[in-house]
């Protein structure tokens, strides 16, 4: 059983998957930083200094200045600002994956398939379609060369 597991783990596709997951996790952190630290602050500034990570609704109806204060008080909150950050994060990751897949597909173009050799030919006498290897037309019985 241990030998079978070693063979399974050492297959190329499993190793490739592991590398992809590790790189994907690292890429996710980069994109999260891009969204939280680069993209959302200018958008918040354009919308009159709105900090999206601090947008929330206290479900008990209390008023807190920050999300951290509401969490410390133990009040249930609806964190729609964090959700907006996650949506922007997802859209950027999806767009980046789309671009990478498009580039890879462009690099790995499959050569155009050669046209298949014809399997039939036309009889010179009656113009009916007959097999290439035919010596006589099955329709008009003309002897073929």
N, C-alpha and C. Protein backbone atom coordinates (compact mmCIF):
# COMPACT_ATOMS: atom_id res chain seq x y z
N UNK A 1 0.82 -1.18 0.00
CA UNK A 1 0.00 0.00 0.00
C UNK A 1 0.87 1.26 0.00
N UNK A 2 1.96 1.23 0.76
CA UNK A 2 2.87 2.37 0.81
C UNK A 2 3.52 2.59 -0.56
N UNK A 3 3.85 1.50 -1.24
CA UNK A 3 4.45 1.61 -2.57
C UNK A 3 3.46 2.23 -3.56
N UNK A 4 2.20 1.81 -3.49
CA UNK A 4 1.17 2.38 -4.38
C UNK A 4 0.98 3.87 -4.11
N UNK A 5 1.02 4.25 -2.83
CA UNK A 5 0.87 5.66 -2.50
C UNK A 5 2.05 6.46 -3.05
N UNK A 6 3.25 5.92 -2.93
CA UNK A 6 4.44 6.60 -3.45
C UNK A 6 4.33 6.78 -4.97
N UNK A 7 3.87 5.75 -5.68
CA UNK A 7 3.70 5.85 -7.13
C UNK A 7 2.64 6.90 -7.47
N UNK A 8 1.55 6.93 -6.70
CA UNK A 8 0.49 7.92 -6.93
C UNK A 8 1.03 9.33 -6.70
N UNK A 9 1.75 9.53 -5.60
CA UNK A 9 2.24 10.86 -5.25
C UNK A 9 3.31 11.35 -6.21
N UNK A 10 4.05 10.44 -6.81
CA UNK A 10 5.15 10.84 -7.69
C UNK A 10 4.73 10.98 -9.15
N UNK A 11 3.47 10.73 -9.45
CA UNK A 11 2.99 10.95 -10.81
C UNK A 11 3.10 12.43 -11.13
N UNK A 12 3.35 12.75 -12.36
CA UNK A 12 3.52 14.13 -12.78
C UNK A 12 2.32 15.00 -12.50
N UNK A 13 1.13 14.47 -12.71
CA UNK A 13 -0.06 15.30 -12.54
C UNK A 13 -0.27 15.68 -11.08
N UNK A 14 0.05 14.80 -10.14
CA UNK A 14 -0.13 15.11 -8.73
C UNK A 14 0.88 16.18 -8.30
N UNK A 15 2.12 16.04 -8.76
CA UNK A 15 3.14 17.03 -8.44
C UNK A 15 2.75 18.39 -9.04
N UNK A 16 2.28 18.38 -10.28
CA UNK A 16 1.86 19.63 -10.93
C UNK A 16 0.72 20.27 -10.16
N UNK A 17 -0.22 19.47 -9.69
CA UNK A 17 -1.35 19.99 -8.92
C UNK A 17 -0.86 20.61 -7.62
N UNK A 18 0.07 19.96 -6.94
CA UNK A 18 0.60 20.48 -5.68
C UNK A 18 1.30 21.82 -5.91
N UNK A 19 2.11 21.90 -6.95
CA UNK A 19 2.80 23.15 -7.27
C UNK A 19 1.78 24.23 -7.60
N UNK A 20 0.74 23.88 -8.35
CA UNK A 20 -0.29 24.85 -8.70
C UNK A 20 -1.02 25.39 -7.48
N UNK A 21 -1.33 24.51 -6.52
CA UNK A 21 -2.02 24.95 -5.30
C UNK A 21 -1.14 25.89 -4.49
N UNK A 22 0.14 25.56 -4.37
CA UNK A 22 1.06 26.41 -3.60
C UNK A 22 1.22 27.77 -4.26
N UNK A 23 1.42 27.78 -5.56
CA UNK A 23 1.56 29.06 -6.27
C UNK A 23 0.25 29.84 -6.22
N UNK A 24 -0.88 29.14 -6.34
CA UNK A 24 -2.17 29.80 -6.25
C UNK A 24 -2.40 30.46 -4.91
N UNK A 25 -1.99 29.80 -3.82
CA UNK A 25 -2.14 30.39 -2.49
C UNK A 25 -1.29 31.65 -2.36
N UNK A 26 -0.06 31.59 -2.85
CA UNK A 26 0.82 32.76 -2.80
C UNK A 26 0.25 33.88 -3.67
N UNK A 27 -0.26 33.54 -4.85
CA UNK A 27 -0.84 34.52 -5.75
C UNK A 27 -2.08 35.16 -5.11
N UNK A 28 -2.85 34.37 -4.38
CA UNK A 28 -4.03 34.89 -3.69
C UNK A 28 -3.66 35.95 -2.67
N UNK A 29 -2.54 35.75 -1.96
CA UNK A 29 -2.10 36.75 -0.98
C UNK A 29 -1.68 38.04 -1.69
N UNK A 30 -1.01 37.90 -2.83
CA UNK A 30 -0.60 39.09 -3.59
C UNK A 30 -1.83 39.86 -4.06
N UNK A 31 -2.81 39.14 -4.58
CA UNK A 31 -4.02 39.81 -5.07
C UNK A 31 -4.79 40.45 -3.92
N UNK A 32 -4.86 39.77 -2.79
CA UNK A 32 -5.54 40.37 -1.62
C UNK A 32 -4.86 41.67 -1.22
N UNK A 33 -3.54 41.68 -1.21
CA UNK A 33 -2.82 42.91 -0.88
C UNK A 33 -3.07 43.98 -1.94
N UNK A 34 -3.10 43.58 -3.20
CA UNK A 34 -3.38 44.54 -4.27
C UNK A 34 -4.75 45.18 -4.07
N UNK A 35 -5.75 44.36 -3.77
CA UNK A 35 -7.10 44.88 -3.57
C UNK A 35 -7.16 45.76 -2.33
N UNK A 36 -6.69 45.25 -1.19
CA UNK A 36 -6.82 45.96 0.08
C UNK A 36 -5.94 47.19 0.18
N UNK A 37 -4.73 47.13 -0.39
CA UNK A 37 -3.75 48.19 -0.17
C UNK A 37 -3.57 49.14 -1.35
N UNK A 38 -3.97 48.73 -2.57
CA UNK A 38 -3.72 49.56 -3.74
C UNK A 38 -5.02 50.01 -4.42
N UNK A 39 -5.96 49.10 -4.61
CA UNK A 39 -7.16 49.43 -5.39
C UNK A 39 -8.24 50.09 -4.54
N UNK A 40 -8.55 49.52 -3.38
CA UNK A 40 -9.67 50.03 -2.59
C UNK A 40 -9.42 51.41 -1.96
N UNK A 41 -8.21 51.76 -1.52
CA UNK A 41 -8.02 53.11 -0.96
C UNK A 41 -8.35 54.24 -1.95
N UNK A 42 -7.89 54.19 -3.22
CA UNK A 42 -8.30 55.27 -4.13
C UNK A 42 -9.81 55.28 -4.40
N UNK A 43 -10.42 54.10 -4.47
CA UNK A 43 -11.87 54.05 -4.67
C UNK A 43 -12.57 54.66 -3.46
N UNK A 44 -12.09 54.34 -2.27
CA UNK A 44 -12.64 54.94 -1.05
C UNK A 44 -12.46 56.44 -1.01
N UNK A 45 -11.31 56.93 -1.50
CA UNK A 45 -11.06 58.37 -1.55
C UNK A 45 -12.02 59.05 -2.52
N UNK A 46 -12.24 58.42 -3.67
CA UNK A 46 -13.19 58.96 -4.64
C UNK A 46 -14.61 59.03 -4.07
N UNK A 47 -14.92 58.11 -3.17
CA UNK A 47 -16.25 58.07 -2.56
C UNK A 47 -16.25 58.75 -1.20
N UNK A 48 -15.47 59.84 -1.07
CA UNK A 48 -15.44 60.68 0.14
C UNK A 48 -14.89 59.93 1.35
N UNK A 49 -13.68 59.40 1.20
CA UNK A 49 -12.92 58.75 2.28
C UNK A 49 -13.65 57.57 2.91
N UNK A 50 -14.27 56.75 2.11
CA UNK A 50 -14.94 55.55 2.61
C UNK A 50 -13.90 54.44 2.74
N UNK A 51 -13.85 53.81 3.92
CA UNK A 51 -12.99 52.65 4.13
C UNK A 51 -13.89 51.42 4.05
N UNK A 52 -13.78 50.68 2.96
CA UNK A 52 -14.70 49.57 2.73
C UNK A 52 -14.61 48.50 3.80
N UNK A 53 -13.43 48.29 4.38
CA UNK A 53 -13.31 47.24 5.39
C UNK A 53 -14.03 47.61 6.69
N UNK A 54 -14.42 48.87 6.84
CA UNK A 54 -15.15 49.31 8.04
C UNK A 54 -16.64 49.51 7.80
N UNK A 55 -17.14 49.11 6.64
CA UNK A 55 -18.57 49.24 6.37
C UNK A 55 -19.29 48.02 6.93
N UNK A 56 -20.20 48.25 7.83
CA UNK A 56 -20.93 47.14 8.45
C UNK A 56 -22.26 47.65 9.00
N UNK A 57 -23.15 46.74 9.26
CA UNK A 57 -24.43 47.04 9.91
C UNK A 57 -24.48 46.22 11.19
N UNK A 58 -24.70 46.90 12.31
CA UNK A 58 -24.85 46.21 13.59
C UNK A 58 -26.27 45.69 13.66
N UNK A 59 -26.44 44.39 13.74
CA UNK A 59 -27.76 43.77 13.71
C UNK A 59 -28.56 43.99 14.99
N UNK A 60 -27.89 44.41 16.08
CA UNK A 60 -28.61 44.71 17.32
C UNK A 60 -29.11 46.15 17.33
N UNK A 61 -28.64 46.94 16.38
CA UNK A 61 -29.07 48.34 16.32
C UNK A 61 -28.19 49.28 17.11
N UNK A 62 -27.17 48.78 17.76
CA UNK A 62 -26.24 49.64 18.50
C UNK A 62 -25.38 50.40 17.50
N UNK A 63 -24.70 51.45 17.99
CA UNK A 63 -23.83 52.22 17.11
C UNK A 63 -22.40 52.09 17.60
N UNK A 64 -21.52 51.63 16.73
CA UNK A 64 -20.09 51.53 17.04
C UNK A 64 -19.33 52.25 15.94
N UNK A 65 -18.21 52.87 16.33
CA UNK A 65 -17.42 53.63 15.36
C UNK A 65 -16.66 52.72 14.40
N UNK A 66 -16.26 51.55 14.88
CA UNK A 66 -15.49 50.64 14.03
C UNK A 66 -16.05 49.23 14.13
N UNK A 67 -15.68 48.44 13.16
CA UNK A 67 -16.07 47.03 13.15
C UNK A 67 -15.42 46.30 14.31
N UNK A 68 -14.18 46.65 14.61
CA UNK A 68 -13.47 46.01 15.72
C UNK A 68 -14.19 46.26 17.05
N UNK A 69 -14.70 47.47 17.24
CA UNK A 69 -15.43 47.78 18.48
C UNK A 69 -16.71 46.97 18.57
N UNK A 70 -17.41 46.80 17.47
CA UNK A 70 -18.63 46.00 17.47
C UNK A 70 -18.32 44.54 17.76
N UNK A 71 -17.23 44.04 17.17
CA UNK A 71 -16.83 42.65 17.42
C UNK A 71 -16.42 42.46 18.88
N UNK A 72 -15.71 43.44 19.43
CA UNK A 72 -15.29 43.36 20.83
C UNK A 72 -16.49 43.32 21.75
N UNK A 73 -17.52 44.09 21.42
CA UNK A 73 -18.74 44.11 22.22
C UNK A 73 -19.54 42.83 22.04
N UNK A 74 -19.21 42.05 21.03
CA UNK A 74 -19.90 40.79 20.80
C UNK A 74 -21.20 40.93 20.02
N UNK A 75 -21.42 42.08 19.42
CA UNK A 75 -22.64 42.29 18.63
C UNK A 75 -22.53 41.60 17.28
N UNK A 76 -23.63 41.02 16.80
CA UNK A 76 -23.60 40.45 15.46
C UNK A 76 -23.60 41.57 14.41
N UNK A 77 -22.77 41.41 13.39
CA UNK A 77 -22.65 42.46 12.37
C UNK A 77 -22.78 41.86 10.98
N UNK A 78 -23.26 42.67 10.08
CA UNK A 78 -23.34 42.32 8.66
C UNK A 78 -22.22 43.11 7.98
N UNK A 79 -21.14 42.43 7.61
CA UNK A 79 -19.92 43.07 7.13
C UNK A 79 -19.93 43.20 5.61
N UNK A 80 -20.73 44.10 5.08
CA UNK A 80 -20.85 44.21 3.63
C UNK A 80 -19.61 44.86 3.01
N UNK A 81 -18.85 45.62 3.75
CA UNK A 81 -17.60 46.20 3.22
C UNK A 81 -16.56 45.12 2.95
N UNK A 82 -16.43 44.19 3.88
CA UNK A 82 -15.50 43.07 3.67
C UNK A 82 -15.96 42.21 2.50
N UNK A 83 -17.27 42.08 2.34
CA UNK A 83 -17.81 41.33 1.22
C UNK A 83 -17.46 42.02 -0.10
N UNK A 84 -17.58 43.34 -0.16
CA UNK A 84 -17.21 44.08 -1.38
C UNK A 84 -15.73 43.88 -1.70
N UNK A 85 -14.87 43.91 -0.67
CA UNK A 85 -13.44 43.64 -0.88
C UNK A 85 -13.23 42.24 -1.46
N UNK A 86 -13.96 41.27 -0.93
CA UNK A 86 -13.83 39.89 -1.42
C UNK A 86 -14.30 39.77 -2.87
N UNK A 87 -15.36 40.48 -3.23
CA UNK A 87 -15.86 40.44 -4.61
C UNK A 87 -14.83 41.03 -5.57
N UNK A 88 -14.27 42.19 -5.21
CA UNK A 88 -13.23 42.79 -6.06
C UNK A 88 -12.03 41.88 -6.15
N UNK A 89 -11.66 41.28 -5.04
CA UNK A 89 -10.55 40.33 -5.00
C UNK A 89 -10.80 39.17 -5.97
N UNK A 90 -12.00 38.60 -5.92
CA UNK A 90 -12.36 37.49 -6.80
C UNK A 90 -12.30 37.90 -8.26
N UNK A 91 -12.85 39.07 -8.57
CA UNK A 91 -12.86 39.52 -9.96
C UNK A 91 -11.45 39.70 -10.51
N UNK A 92 -10.55 40.21 -9.69
CA UNK A 92 -9.17 40.38 -10.14
C UNK A 92 -8.50 39.02 -10.34
N UNK A 93 -8.70 38.10 -9.41
CA UNK A 93 -8.12 36.76 -9.56
C UNK A 93 -8.68 36.07 -10.79
N UNK A 94 -9.99 36.15 -10.99
CA UNK A 94 -10.61 35.51 -12.16
C UNK A 94 -10.07 36.10 -13.45
N UNK A 95 -9.90 37.42 -13.50
CA UNK A 95 -9.37 38.07 -14.70
C UNK A 95 -7.93 37.64 -14.94
N UNK A 96 -7.13 37.57 -13.89
CA UNK A 96 -5.72 37.14 -14.04
C UNK A 96 -5.64 35.69 -14.53
N UNK A 97 -6.47 34.82 -13.98
CA UNK A 97 -6.48 33.43 -14.43
C UNK A 97 -6.91 33.34 -15.89
N UNK A 98 -7.90 34.14 -16.27
CA UNK A 98 -8.35 34.18 -17.66
C UNK A 98 -7.20 34.59 -18.58
N UNK A 99 -6.45 35.62 -18.19
CA UNK A 99 -5.32 36.09 -19.01
C UNK A 99 -4.25 35.01 -19.12
N UNK A 100 -3.92 34.35 -18.01
CA UNK A 100 -2.89 33.30 -18.03
C UNK A 100 -3.33 32.14 -18.91
N UNK A 101 -4.58 31.69 -18.78
CA UNK A 101 -5.07 30.57 -19.59
C UNK A 101 -5.08 30.96 -21.06
N UNK A 102 -5.47 32.19 -21.34
CA UNK A 102 -5.48 32.66 -22.74
C UNK A 102 -4.07 32.67 -23.32
N UNK A 103 -3.08 33.13 -22.53
CA UNK A 103 -1.69 33.13 -23.01
C UNK A 103 -1.17 31.72 -23.24
N UNK A 104 -1.46 30.83 -22.30
CA UNK A 104 -1.00 29.45 -22.44
C UNK A 104 -1.64 28.80 -23.67
N UNK A 105 -2.93 29.02 -23.87
CA UNK A 105 -3.59 28.47 -25.05
C UNK A 105 -3.00 29.05 -26.33
N UNK A 106 -2.59 30.29 -26.29
CA UNK A 106 -1.98 30.92 -27.47
C UNK A 106 -0.61 30.31 -27.76
N UNK A 107 0.15 30.01 -26.70
CA UNK A 107 1.48 29.41 -26.87
C UNK A 107 1.40 27.98 -27.34
N UNK A 108 0.37 27.26 -26.92
CA UNK A 108 0.24 25.83 -27.23
C UNK A 108 -0.79 25.65 -28.33
N UNK A 109 -0.60 26.31 -29.42
CA UNK A 109 -1.52 26.15 -30.55
C UNK A 109 -1.30 24.77 -31.17
N UNK A 110 -2.37 24.11 -31.44
CA UNK A 110 -2.28 22.81 -32.08
C UNK A 110 -2.09 23.03 -33.58
N UNK A 111 -1.19 22.27 -34.20
CA UNK A 111 -1.02 22.44 -35.64
C UNK A 111 -2.30 22.03 -36.37
N UNK A 112 -2.55 22.71 -37.45
CA UNK A 112 -3.75 22.40 -38.22
C UNK A 112 -3.65 20.99 -38.77
N UNK A 113 -4.71 20.25 -38.65
CA UNK A 113 -4.73 18.87 -39.13
C UNK A 113 -4.71 18.86 -40.65
N UNK A 114 -3.92 17.93 -41.21
CA UNK A 114 -3.87 17.80 -42.67
C UNK A 114 -5.23 17.29 -43.16
N UNK A 115 -5.66 17.78 -44.29
CA UNK A 115 -6.95 17.31 -44.80
C UNK A 115 -6.89 15.81 -45.10
N UNK A 116 -7.96 15.14 -44.78
CA UNK A 116 -8.03 13.69 -44.98
C UNK A 116 -8.03 13.38 -46.48
N UNK A 117 -7.35 12.29 -46.82
CA UNK A 117 -7.33 11.86 -48.22
C UNK A 117 -8.74 11.43 -48.61
N UNK A 118 -9.15 11.76 -49.82
CA UNK A 118 -10.51 11.39 -50.24
C UNK A 118 -10.67 9.87 -50.30
N UNK A 119 -11.82 9.40 -49.90
CA UNK A 119 -12.11 7.97 -49.90
C UNK A 119 -12.86 7.54 -51.16
N UNK A 120 -13.34 8.53 -51.90
CA UNK A 120 -14.10 8.20 -53.11
C UNK A 120 -13.63 9.07 -54.27
N UNK A 121 -14.00 8.65 -55.46
CA UNK A 121 -13.75 9.44 -56.66
C UNK A 121 -14.99 9.34 -57.55
N UNK A 122 -15.07 10.20 -58.53
CA UNK A 122 -16.22 10.17 -59.44
C UNK A 122 -15.89 9.34 -60.67
N UNK A 123 -16.86 8.55 -61.10
CA UNK A 123 -16.71 7.76 -62.33
C UNK A 123 -16.65 8.74 -63.51
N UNK A 124 -15.67 8.58 -64.41
CA UNK A 124 -15.57 9.51 -65.54
C UNK A 124 -16.73 9.36 -66.53
N UNK A 125 -17.43 8.23 -66.50
CA UNK A 125 -18.50 7.98 -67.46
C UNK A 125 -19.86 8.47 -66.95
N UNK A 126 -20.22 8.06 -65.70
CA UNK A 126 -21.56 8.39 -65.19
C UNK A 126 -21.54 9.43 -64.08
N UNK A 127 -20.35 9.84 -63.61
CA UNK A 127 -20.17 10.86 -62.58
C UNK A 127 -20.71 10.45 -61.21
N UNK A 128 -20.91 9.16 -60.97
CA UNK A 128 -21.35 8.69 -59.66
C UNK A 128 -20.12 8.49 -58.77
N UNK A 129 -20.32 8.62 -57.50
CA UNK A 129 -19.23 8.46 -56.54
C UNK A 129 -18.95 6.97 -56.32
N UNK A 130 -17.64 6.61 -56.43
CA UNK A 130 -17.22 5.21 -56.25
C UNK A 130 -15.97 5.19 -55.37
N UNK A 131 -15.66 4.07 -54.71
CA UNK A 131 -14.46 3.99 -53.88
C UNK A 131 -13.19 4.20 -54.72
N UNK A 132 -12.17 4.76 -54.08
CA UNK A 132 -10.90 5.05 -54.76
C UNK A 132 -10.30 3.78 -55.35
N UNK A 133 -10.35 2.66 -54.65
CA UNK A 133 -9.71 1.43 -55.10
C UNK A 133 -10.52 0.66 -56.14
N UNK A 134 -11.68 1.16 -56.52
CA UNK A 134 -12.55 0.43 -57.46
C UNK A 134 -11.88 0.32 -58.83
N UNK A 135 -12.03 -0.86 -59.47
CA UNK A 135 -11.51 -1.12 -60.82
C UNK A 135 -12.62 -1.01 -61.86
N UNK A 136 -13.85 -1.07 -61.39
CA UNK A 136 -15.02 -0.99 -62.28
C UNK A 136 -16.11 -0.22 -61.54
N UNK A 137 -16.83 0.63 -62.25
CA UNK A 137 -17.91 1.42 -61.66
C UNK A 137 -19.08 0.49 -61.37
N UNK A 138 -19.59 0.56 -60.14
CA UNK A 138 -20.71 -0.28 -59.75
C UNK A 138 -22.04 0.19 -60.31
N UNK A 139 -22.05 1.38 -60.87
CA UNK A 139 -23.30 1.95 -61.40
C UNK A 139 -23.45 1.70 -62.89
N UNK A 140 -22.38 2.01 -63.65
CA UNK A 140 -22.48 1.88 -65.10
C UNK A 140 -21.57 0.78 -65.65
N UNK A 141 -20.84 0.12 -64.79
CA UNK A 141 -19.91 -0.99 -65.09
C UNK A 141 -18.76 -0.58 -66.03
N UNK A 142 -18.43 0.69 -66.08
CA UNK A 142 -17.29 1.14 -66.89
C UNK A 142 -16.01 0.62 -66.25
N UNK A 143 -15.10 0.13 -67.08
CA UNK A 143 -13.78 -0.33 -66.62
C UNK A 143 -12.95 0.91 -66.31
N UNK A 144 -12.38 0.95 -65.11
CA UNK A 144 -11.58 2.13 -64.68
C UNK A 144 -10.10 1.78 -64.80
N UNK A 145 -9.31 2.79 -65.06
CA UNK A 145 -7.86 2.59 -65.22
C UNK A 145 -7.14 2.46 -63.91
